[in-house]
Protein backbone atom coordinates (compact mmCIF):
# COMPACT_ATOMS: atom_id res chain seq x y z
CA MET A 1 119.21 98.24 98.91
CA GLY A 2 121.05 97.85 102.22
CA SER A 3 122.06 99.73 105.34
CA GLY A 4 124.40 102.71 105.33
CA ASN A 5 126.78 101.04 107.77
CA LYS A 6 127.29 98.08 105.47
CA ALA A 7 127.90 100.40 102.53
CA ARG A 8 130.55 102.33 104.46
CA GLU A 9 132.24 99.10 105.51
CA ALA A 10 132.16 97.92 101.89
CA GLU A 11 133.67 101.19 100.69
CA LYS A 12 136.66 100.84 103.01
CA ARG A 13 137.20 97.21 102.04
CA LEU A 14 136.95 97.87 98.31
CA LEU A 15 139.57 100.62 98.48
CA LYS A 16 141.86 98.34 100.46
CA GLU A 17 141.47 95.22 98.33
CA PHE A 18 141.26 96.87 94.91
CA PRO A 19 143.88 99.64 94.57
CA MET A 20 142.70 100.20 90.98
CA LEU A 21 139.36 101.44 92.32
CA LYS A 22 140.92 104.41 94.16
CA GLU A 23 141.25 106.48 91.01
CA ILE A 24 137.75 105.45 89.91
CA ALA A 25 136.42 106.54 93.32
CA ARG A 26 138.10 109.93 92.85
CA ARG A 27 136.95 110.52 89.29
CA ARG A 28 133.52 108.88 89.46
CA PRO A 29 132.35 109.12 93.09
CA LEU A 30 128.69 108.33 92.34
CA TYR A 31 129.65 105.19 90.44
CA PHE A 32 131.92 104.04 93.25
CA GLU A 33 129.15 104.75 95.75
CA LYS A 34 126.88 102.50 93.69
CA LEU A 35 129.46 99.70 93.85
CA ALA A 36 129.83 100.09 97.63
CA ASN A 37 126.07 100.17 98.15
CA THR A 38 125.68 96.95 96.16
CA VAL A 39 128.43 95.13 98.05
CA GLY A 40 127.01 96.41 101.33
CA ALA A 41 123.55 95.13 100.40
CA CYS A 42 125.01 91.71 99.54
CA ALA A 43 126.88 91.62 102.85
CA GLU A 44 123.72 92.46 104.77
CA TYR A 45 121.71 89.81 102.91
CA GLY A 46 124.51 87.28 103.46
CA GLU A 47 124.73 87.90 107.18
CA ARG A 48 120.98 88.07 107.83
CA TYR A 49 119.70 85.30 105.59
CA ILE A 50 122.46 83.08 104.16
CA ALA A 51 124.90 82.49 107.02
CA PRO A 52 122.30 81.20 109.52
CA VAL A 53 120.95 78.50 107.17
CA ALA A 54 123.64 77.64 104.57
CA LEU A 55 125.00 74.49 106.24
CA GLU A 56 121.58 73.19 107.19
CA LEU A 57 120.29 73.85 103.69
CA ASP A 58 123.28 72.06 102.17
CA ARG A 59 122.52 68.97 104.29
CA LYS A 60 118.85 69.10 103.33
CA LEU A 61 119.64 69.29 99.62
CA GLU A 62 121.95 66.30 99.85
CA LYS A 63 118.82 64.23 100.46
CA GLU A 64 116.17 66.36 98.75
CA HIS A 65 117.98 67.53 95.63
CA ASP A 66 114.82 68.87 93.97
CA TYR A 67 114.03 71.23 96.86
CA PHE A 68 114.36 74.94 96.04
CA PRO A 69 114.82 77.69 98.69
CA TRP A 70 112.15 80.11 97.53
CA ASP A 71 112.17 81.70 100.99
CA LEU A 72 115.75 82.87 100.46
CA VAL A 73 114.94 84.20 96.99
CA ASN A 74 111.97 86.11 98.40
CA ALA A 75 114.17 87.51 101.18
CA ALA A 76 116.54 88.83 98.49
CA LEU A 77 113.87 90.82 96.64
CA PRO A 78 114.24 94.03 98.72
CA TYR A 79 117.98 93.92 97.92
CA ARG A 80 117.14 93.79 94.19
CA LEU A 81 119.55 90.96 93.43
CA LEU A 82 117.48 89.88 90.42
CA SER A 83 117.82 93.35 88.86
CA LEU A 84 121.54 93.95 89.29
CA VAL A 85 122.47 93.67 85.60
CA ILE A 86 119.17 94.83 84.13
CA PRO A 87 119.46 98.26 82.44
CA SER A 88 118.24 101.27 84.40
CA MET A 89 116.09 102.34 81.42
CA VAL A 90 113.70 99.50 82.29
CA GLY A 91 114.01 100.01 86.04
CA GLY A 92 116.99 97.79 86.85
CA ILE A 93 120.12 98.64 88.84
CA GLY A 94 122.07 98.98 85.60
CA GLY A 95 125.20 97.16 86.74
CA LEU A 96 127.75 95.75 84.35
CA ALA A 97 130.54 93.22 84.90
CA VAL A 98 132.37 95.13 87.67
CA LEU A 99 129.30 95.62 89.84
CA PHE A 100 128.06 92.08 89.36
CA ALA A 101 131.46 90.50 89.96
CA LEU A 102 131.82 92.36 93.26
CA ALA A 103 128.32 91.26 94.26
CA MET A 104 129.10 87.62 93.47
CA GLU A 105 132.33 87.57 95.48
CA GLU A 106 130.46 88.94 98.48
CA LEU A 107 127.55 86.51 98.22
CA CYS A 108 129.77 83.50 97.53
CA SER A 109 131.85 84.14 100.64
CA TYR A 110 128.68 83.05 102.48
CA CYS A 111 127.36 80.31 100.17
CA ALA A 112 128.09 79.76 96.49
CA GLY A 113 124.97 77.66 95.99
CA ILE A 114 122.58 80.37 97.12
CA ALA A 115 124.62 83.03 95.33
CA ASN A 116 124.57 81.08 92.09
CA ILE A 117 120.79 81.31 91.92
CA PHE A 118 121.35 84.99 91.21
CA GLY A 119 124.46 84.29 89.14
CA ALA A 120 122.64 81.84 86.84
CA HIS A 121 119.75 84.29 86.59
CA ALA A 122 122.13 87.03 85.42
CA LEU A 123 123.59 84.59 82.90
CA GLY A 124 120.06 84.15 81.56
CA VAL A 125 119.70 87.93 81.30
CA SER A 126 123.01 88.23 79.38
CA PRO A 127 121.81 87.00 75.94
CA ILE A 128 119.02 89.58 76.00
CA LEU A 129 121.55 92.30 76.81
CA VAL A 130 124.35 91.46 74.38
CA SER A 131 121.94 90.89 71.50
CA GLY A 132 120.60 94.41 72.04
CA SER A 133 117.09 92.97 71.86
CA MET A 134 115.25 96.03 73.17
CA ALA A 135 111.85 94.48 72.53
CA HIS A 136 112.73 91.87 75.15
CA TRP A 137 114.25 94.50 77.43
CA GLU A 138 110.83 96.11 77.58
CA SER A 139 108.95 92.81 77.99
CA VAL A 140 110.99 90.17 79.82
CA LEU A 141 113.46 92.37 81.70
CA ARG A 142 110.83 94.92 82.69
CA GLU A 143 108.70 92.06 83.99
CA VAL A 144 111.59 90.85 86.18
CA VAL A 145 112.01 94.33 87.66
CA GLU A 146 108.33 95.02 88.25
CA GLU A 147 107.59 91.61 89.73
CA GLU A 148 110.63 91.88 91.98
CA LYS A 149 109.18 95.09 93.39
CA ARG A 150 105.83 93.37 93.91
CA GLY A 151 107.45 90.48 95.76
CA ASN A 152 107.09 87.90 92.97
CA PRO A 153 110.47 86.61 91.77
CA VAL A 154 110.86 85.94 88.04
CA ILE A 155 113.97 83.83 87.44
CA LEU A 156 115.87 83.31 84.19
CA ALA A 157 118.24 80.57 83.04
CA ALA A 158 120.63 79.98 80.15
CA ALA A 159 120.76 76.60 78.39
CA VAL A 160 123.73 75.63 76.23
CA THR A 161 125.10 72.26 77.37
CA GLU A 162 123.74 69.10 75.73
CA PRO A 163 124.14 65.49 76.92
CA SER A 164 126.89 64.81 74.37
CA ALA A 165 128.20 68.37 73.96
CA GLY A 166 129.48 70.43 76.87
CA THR A 167 132.50 72.70 76.74
CA ASP A 168 132.79 72.26 72.97
CA VAL A 169 129.64 74.34 72.36
CA GLU A 170 131.28 77.39 73.98
CA GLU A 171 134.00 77.98 71.40
CA PRO A 172 133.78 78.25 67.57
CA HIS A 173 136.69 75.91 66.79
CA PHE A 174 135.09 73.07 68.77
CA LEU A 175 131.44 73.71 67.90
CA THR A 176 132.07 72.50 64.35
CA ARG A 177 133.00 69.07 65.79
CA ALA A 178 130.49 68.91 68.65
CA LYS A 179 128.18 65.89 68.88
CA LEU A 180 124.94 67.81 68.97
CA SER A 181 121.65 66.13 69.80
CA MET A 182 119.30 69.11 69.79
CA GLU A 183 118.00 70.96 66.76
CA ALA A 184 115.51 73.69 65.86
CA LYS A 185 113.61 73.38 62.60
CA LYS A 186 112.07 76.37 60.83
CA VAL A 187 108.30 76.12 60.44
CA LYS A 188 105.58 78.64 59.66
CA GLY A 189 105.69 81.41 62.24
CA GLY A 190 108.64 80.10 64.21
CA TYR A 191 110.67 77.01 65.07
CA LEU A 192 110.13 73.53 66.48
CA LEU A 193 112.70 72.53 69.11
CA ASN A 194 113.59 68.88 69.64
CA GLY A 195 116.24 67.44 71.93
CA ARG A 196 117.64 67.92 75.43
CA LYS A 197 119.77 70.31 77.41
CA CYS A 198 121.45 69.21 80.63
CA PHE A 199 123.07 70.59 83.81
CA ILE A 200 121.10 73.83 83.39
CA SER A 201 121.41 76.02 86.49
CA ASN A 202 117.97 77.32 87.53
CA GLY A 203 116.47 75.22 84.75
CA SER A 204 113.74 73.77 86.95
CA VAL A 205 112.62 77.10 88.43
CA ALA A 206 113.13 79.61 85.61
CA LYS A 207 110.15 81.28 83.97
CA TYR A 208 112.31 82.15 80.97
CA THR A 209 115.18 80.10 79.53
CA LEU A 210 117.55 81.53 76.93
CA LEU A 211 118.54 78.54 74.82
CA CYS A 212 121.19 78.12 72.13
CA CYS A 213 121.01 75.34 69.56
CA ALA A 214 121.63 74.71 65.86
CA THR A 215 118.99 74.97 63.19
CA ASP A 216 121.16 72.59 61.14
CA ARG A 217 123.33 70.13 63.09
CA LEU A 218 125.51 69.63 60.01
CA ARG A 219 126.38 73.35 60.04
CA PRO A 220 126.28 74.27 63.73
CA LEU A 221 128.62 77.25 63.60
CA GLU A 222 126.63 78.94 60.84
CA THR A 223 123.21 78.14 62.37
CA TRP A 224 123.77 78.42 66.14
CA THR A 225 120.77 80.48 67.29
CA THR A 226 119.42 81.87 70.55
CA PHE A 227 115.78 81.29 71.50
CA LEU A 228 113.64 82.61 74.35
CA VAL A 229 111.66 79.71 75.84
CA GLU A 230 108.94 80.28 78.41
CA SER A 231 108.02 77.64 80.98
CA GLY A 232 104.65 76.17 80.16
CA MET A 233 105.24 76.07 76.42
CA GLU A 234 103.81 72.89 74.96
CA GLY A 235 106.50 70.27 74.44
CA PHE A 236 108.85 71.71 77.09
CA SER A 237 109.42 69.73 80.29
CA VAL A 238 111.94 69.19 83.10
CA PRO A 239 112.51 65.42 83.43
CA ARG A 240 114.85 65.65 86.40
CA VAL A 241 116.94 67.76 88.74
CA GLU A 242 120.48 66.49 89.30
CA GLU A 243 121.93 65.33 92.60
CA LYS A 244 124.87 67.64 93.19
CA MET A 245 128.02 67.48 95.27
CA GLY A 246 128.52 71.24 95.47
CA GLN A 247 126.55 74.46 95.04
CA ARG A 248 123.48 72.43 95.89
CA ALA A 249 121.12 75.33 96.56
CA CYS A 250 121.13 76.24 92.86
CA PRO A 251 119.40 73.41 90.96
CA ALA A 252 120.92 71.87 87.83
CA ALA A 253 118.18 70.44 85.64
CA GLU A 254 117.71 68.47 82.47
CA LEU A 255 115.39 70.14 79.97
CA SER A 256 113.43 68.23 77.34
CA PHE A 257 111.93 69.60 74.11
CA GLU A 258 109.51 67.56 72.02
CA ASP A 259 108.15 69.57 69.09
CA CYS A 260 108.26 72.65 71.30
CA PHE A 261 107.07 75.57 69.18
CA VAL A 262 108.90 78.85 69.68
CA PRO A 263 107.48 81.83 67.78
CA GLU A 264 109.65 83.90 65.45
CA GLU A 265 109.54 86.86 67.84
CA ASN A 266 111.38 84.75 70.44
CA VAL A 267 114.54 84.54 68.32
CA LEU A 268 117.22 86.90 69.64
CA ALA A 269 119.18 88.75 66.96
CA PHE A 270 119.34 86.83 63.67
CA GLU A 271 119.39 83.09 63.03
CA GLY A 272 123.03 82.01 63.13
CA ASP A 273 124.18 84.76 65.52
CA GLY A 274 124.26 82.41 68.52
CA MET A 275 128.03 81.86 68.57
CA GLN A 276 129.44 84.86 66.69
CA PRO A 277 129.02 87.23 68.32
CA GLY A 278 126.38 85.87 70.75
CA THR A 279 128.03 83.26 72.96
CA LEU A 280 131.46 84.89 72.82
CA LEU A 281 130.04 88.22 74.00
CA ILE A 282 128.19 86.46 76.81
CA LEU A 283 131.38 84.69 77.92
CA ALA A 284 133.31 87.95 77.81
CA ALA A 285 130.69 89.31 80.21
CA SER A 286 130.17 86.27 82.43
CA ARG A 287 133.60 84.73 82.99
CA ALA A 288 134.86 87.60 85.15
CA PRO A 289 131.90 87.13 87.54
CA VAL A 290 132.59 83.38 87.55
CA GLY A 291 136.16 84.20 88.60
CA ALA A 292 134.56 86.31 91.33
CA ILE A 293 132.34 83.39 92.37
CA ALA A 294 135.44 81.25 92.81
CA THR A 295 137.26 84.06 94.62
CA GLY A 296 134.33 84.41 97.01
CA ILE A 297 134.43 80.68 97.77
CA ALA A 298 138.17 80.91 98.42
CA ARG A 299 137.66 83.97 100.62
CA GLY A 300 135.02 82.17 102.68
CA ALA A 301 137.31 79.17 103.19
CA TYR A 302 140.17 81.50 104.13
CA GLU A 303 138.05 83.38 106.66
CA TRP A 304 136.87 80.16 108.34
CA PHE A 305 140.42 78.80 108.37
CA LEU A 306 141.61 82.03 110.00
CA LYS A 307 138.93 81.68 112.70
CA TRP A 308 140.09 78.11 113.31
CA ALA A 309 143.72 79.21 113.49
CA GLN A 310 142.98 81.99 115.98
CA ARG A 311 140.89 79.85 118.32
CA GLU A 312 142.75 78.93 121.52
CA ARG A 313 143.14 75.29 122.60
CA LYS A 314 144.85 74.46 125.89
CA GLY A 315 146.53 77.86 125.96
CA LYS A 316 147.82 77.68 122.37
CA ARG A 317 146.59 78.75 118.98
CA PRO A 318 147.47 77.15 115.61
CA ILE A 319 148.25 80.60 114.16
CA GLU A 320 151.34 80.75 116.34
CA LYS A 321 152.93 78.07 114.15
CA GLN A 322 154.88 79.19 111.09
CA VAL A 323 153.35 76.45 108.93
CA VAL A 324 149.90 77.94 109.57
CA GLN A 325 151.17 81.48 108.99
CA MET A 326 152.69 80.42 105.68
CA ALA A 327 149.47 78.70 104.67
CA LEU A 328 147.51 81.86 105.40
CA ALA A 329 149.99 83.91 103.38
CA LYS A 330 149.69 81.52 100.41
CA MET A 331 145.91 81.67 100.57
CA ARG A 332 145.91 85.45 100.81
CA SER A 333 148.28 85.74 97.86
CA ARG A 334 146.18 83.51 95.64
CA ILE A 335 142.95 85.25 96.62
CA GLN A 336 144.37 88.69 95.85
CA ALA A 337 145.75 87.53 92.50
CA SER A 338 142.35 86.08 91.57
CA ARG A 339 140.60 89.20 92.82
CA TRP A 340 142.73 91.51 90.69
CA ALA A 341 142.37 89.21 87.68
CA TYR A 342 138.58 89.26 87.75
CA MET A 343 138.49 93.01 88.38
CA ASN A 344 140.84 93.61 85.42
CA ALA A 345 138.63 91.42 83.23
CA ALA A 346 135.44 93.12 84.41
CA LEU A 347 136.90 96.58 83.80
CA SER A 348 138.01 95.46 80.34
CA PHE A 349 134.48 94.31 79.49
CA ASP A 350 132.81 97.41 80.92
CA ASN A 351 135.19 99.63 78.96
CA SER A 352 134.31 97.82 75.74
CA LEU A 353 130.67 96.65 75.66
CA GLY A 354 129.73 98.99 78.49
CA LYS A 355 130.02 101.88 76.06
CA VAL A 356 126.84 100.64 74.36
CA MET A 357 124.84 101.65 77.43
CA ARG A 358 126.49 105.08 77.44
CA SER A 359 126.04 105.74 73.72
CA PRO A 360 123.98 108.78 72.61
CA VAL A 361 121.49 106.53 70.80
CA THR A 362 120.87 104.34 73.85
CA HIS A 363 120.58 107.43 76.02
CA SER A 364 118.10 108.99 73.60
CA ILE A 365 115.98 105.84 73.61
CA SER A 366 115.97 105.81 77.40
CA LEU A 367 114.51 109.34 77.41
CA LEU A 368 111.43 108.24 75.47
CA PRO A 369 108.27 107.88 77.57
CA GLU A 370 107.69 104.39 78.90
CA ARG A 371 104.33 104.21 77.13
CA VAL A 372 106.19 104.54 73.83
CA ARG A 373 108.82 101.92 74.63
CA VAL A 374 106.23 99.32 75.67
CA SER A 375 103.93 100.00 72.74
CA ASN A 376 103.23 97.44 70.02
CA PRO A 377 104.75 99.57 67.20
CA TRP A 378 107.98 99.84 69.21
CA LYS A 379 108.01 96.10 69.81
CA ARG A 380 107.33 95.31 66.16
CA PHE A 381 110.15 97.58 65.01
CA PHE A 382 112.79 96.01 67.27
CA LEU A 383 111.62 92.52 66.36
CA SER A 384 111.94 93.36 62.66
CA ALA A 385 115.09 92.88 60.62
CA TYR A 386 115.65 96.65 60.60
CA GLY A 387 115.32 96.89 64.37
CA LYS A 388 117.74 94.02 64.83
CA ARG A 389 120.20 95.72 62.48
CA LEU A 390 119.96 98.88 64.55
CA SER A 391 120.80 96.85 67.68
CA GLU A 392 123.77 95.30 65.90
CA PHE A 393 124.91 98.75 64.79
CA LEU A 394 124.71 100.14 68.34
CA ILE A 395 126.98 97.35 69.59
CA SER A 396 129.50 97.40 66.75
CA ALA A 397 129.69 101.19 66.55
CA SER A 398 130.29 101.57 70.28
CA THR A 399 133.29 99.27 70.54
CA SER A 400 135.79 97.32 68.43
CA LEU A 401 136.52 93.66 67.86
CA GLU A 402 139.99 94.21 69.35
CA GLU A 403 138.53 95.56 72.61
CA VAL A 404 135.93 92.80 72.94
CA THR A 405 138.39 90.05 72.03
CA GLU A 406 140.81 91.36 74.63
CA ALA A 407 138.01 91.38 77.20
CA LEU A 408 137.21 87.74 76.36
CA GLY A 409 140.84 86.76 76.87
CA TYR A 410 141.10 88.51 80.24
CA ALA A 411 137.76 87.00 81.32
CA SER A 412 138.98 83.50 80.46
CA LEU A 413 142.17 84.13 82.44
CA ALA A 414 140.16 85.31 85.46
CA LYS A 415 137.79 82.36 85.33
CA ALA A 416 140.55 79.72 85.17
CA LEU A 417 142.71 81.41 87.80
CA GLY A 418 139.75 81.86 90.13
CA GLY A 419 138.60 78.25 89.85
CA ASP A 420 142.07 76.90 90.59
CA THR A 421 142.39 79.32 93.51
CA ALA A 422 139.14 78.20 95.11
CA VAL A 423 140.19 74.56 94.99
CA PHE A 424 143.72 75.37 96.18
CA VAL A 425 142.65 77.47 99.18
CA SER A 426 139.94 75.13 100.43
CA SER A 427 142.07 72.00 100.01
CA LEU A 428 145.11 73.61 101.69
CA ALA A 429 142.94 74.66 104.63
CA LEU A 430 141.64 71.11 105.07
CA GLU A 431 145.15 69.68 104.77
CA VAL A 432 146.57 71.96 107.47
CA MET A 433 143.59 71.53 109.80
CA GLY A 434 143.80 67.77 109.81
CA LEU A 435 140.82 65.76 111.01
CA GLU A 436 139.68 68.00 113.85
CA ASP A 437 135.88 67.84 114.09
CA CYS A 438 134.70 71.45 114.32
CA GLU A 439 132.33 73.94 112.73
CA GLU A 440 135.10 75.64 110.78
CA ARG A 441 136.00 72.39 109.06
CA GLU A 442 132.39 71.77 108.09
CA TRP A 443 132.22 75.14 106.37
CA ILE A 444 135.52 74.58 104.57
CA GLU A 445 134.47 71.10 103.42
CA LYS A 446 131.40 72.72 101.89
CA ALA A 447 133.65 75.35 100.27
CA TYR A 448 135.76 72.59 98.71
CA ARG A 449 132.68 70.88 97.26
CA ASP A 450 131.44 74.22 95.95
CA ALA A 451 134.83 75.13 94.51
CA LYS A 452 135.20 72.21 92.14
CA LEU A 453 132.33 73.33 89.96
CA THR A 454 134.05 76.65 89.25
CA GLN A 455 136.70 74.73 87.30
CA ILE A 456 133.98 73.25 85.09
CA TYR A 457 131.12 75.62 84.25
CA GLU A 458 131.46 78.54 81.83
CA GLY A 459 133.81 76.23 79.94
CA THR A 460 136.33 74.02 81.68
CA ASN A 461 139.52 75.67 82.84
CA GLN A 462 141.34 73.87 80.03
CA LEU A 463 139.09 75.53 77.43
CA ASN A 464 139.54 78.91 79.12
CA GLN A 465 143.30 78.49 78.91
CA LEU A 466 142.98 77.71 75.22
CA THR A 467 140.74 80.74 74.73
CA LEU A 468 143.36 82.91 76.45
CA TYR A 469 146.00 81.53 74.10
CA MET A 470 143.87 81.94 70.98
CA THR A 471 142.82 85.52 71.80
CA GLN A 472 145.99 87.01 73.26
CA ILE A 473 148.90 84.84 72.11
CA GLY A 474 148.09 82.82 69.01
CA GLY A 475 145.69 85.31 67.46
CA GLU A 476 143.43 82.49 66.23
CA LEU A 477 140.17 83.72 67.75
CA SER A 478 138.43 87.07 67.68
CA VAL A 479 134.90 88.22 68.35
CA GLU A 480 133.11 89.20 65.15
CA LEU A 481 131.17 92.45 65.30
CA LYS A 482 128.85 93.18 62.41
CA ARG A 483 128.52 96.70 61.01
CA PRO A 484 125.36 96.63 58.89
CA LEU A 485 124.24 99.51 56.69
CA PHE A 486 120.52 99.95 56.20
CA GLY A 487 119.56 98.83 52.75
CA PHE A 488 123.04 97.43 52.05
CA SER A 489 123.24 94.40 54.33
CA SER A 490 124.09 90.86 53.36
CA ARG A 491 121.54 89.67 55.90
CA ARG A 492 118.32 88.13 54.74
CA VAL A 493 115.26 90.06 55.89
CA VAL A 494 112.87 87.68 57.67
């Protein structure tokens, strides 16, 4: 993926910044080597391709908001950034939350907008993973991997937010009161989608969009369902790409659906599984990396502020002043706290849902010849009700609702803390620097614009704080894991 020198540098930095990884490095040296190689690859990509163009690209996108940097995506293909969280059994890197969070911090220290192209793509991969939809592992995810190797990027997106329903569609208590505008109606052979989704990262460039909506807006919690939508489907269009203040390189698009037919085989898991456990499992996986995104932004602002402070002017340097030293110490403290929070959350997730990938059944499936796993009988089985029940069983038998709920709480903590840290560090840097016109300030101004979004997406920080309370203090929210028995399930066979 990257050079050996970068991997060695990453290894030293990881052991210094994450004391909890020292024991992991001792007990699981190959796993730690994989983490270091990934971070090293991201550092190499950041230095070679992102840093030289990030400011110029940000200026360009201020005026041309529908421009997309395909050249940077193509440059990332040898580093396999589109395959980081795709299971190794279909040719991916096989990373979970820890690996991906570390990758996102590294990339976001250069530019959060460019990094979020890969972050939003991984978010699109997540519903396929947490639903255990192995038919789509072998089709969609294998396509991503194989096309990446051929030099043809296949990008995914996730679509949840609606024009009148944002954060409230990311939590069961609020979904019941959300003002939904989109709906999927059951028809022969599939569903017809009507309505709009908005602020969808990668929405204008994704080949596949994983979309959640209700099949009955009067009963959204019971009918929230995940669909796989392919670009080019009749009735699907992208009316506009938003003008953004921050993270401009990753487009946010509005998606329109007018009698868009989605076949039955493009429903992930069962109808009604979109929130419990679907969305909650995705958030347990994704919020730690979002905390890492924010930490990376804060780290980038800190590093540019440090360069500014060390630069000599008329025989003096700002870093000689105690006020600057104290500012640096505050920044460093907040960054380390956010870093440890997202790592704790990522470890919690990997130790819960990650066990699915290490289960004997999953391992046995991975040993089957590829020709078997891509065959039509295999696909038909995993698209059937019995195949979906097997996927549910693999997930529920490999972990517990207590473990997953705890992971969701820690992930929400990491996301909120990280977002606040990114805004705090970048704004403090600008405050201490004053109005000096210099390159460092331009980078930090960009970091501040990028930072604000981390307090909003993946649920606002306020919702994340409520989720933390409901999962770890109030006990009002838990992730439901189903344990079906073949032949004795309450589920309707479709």
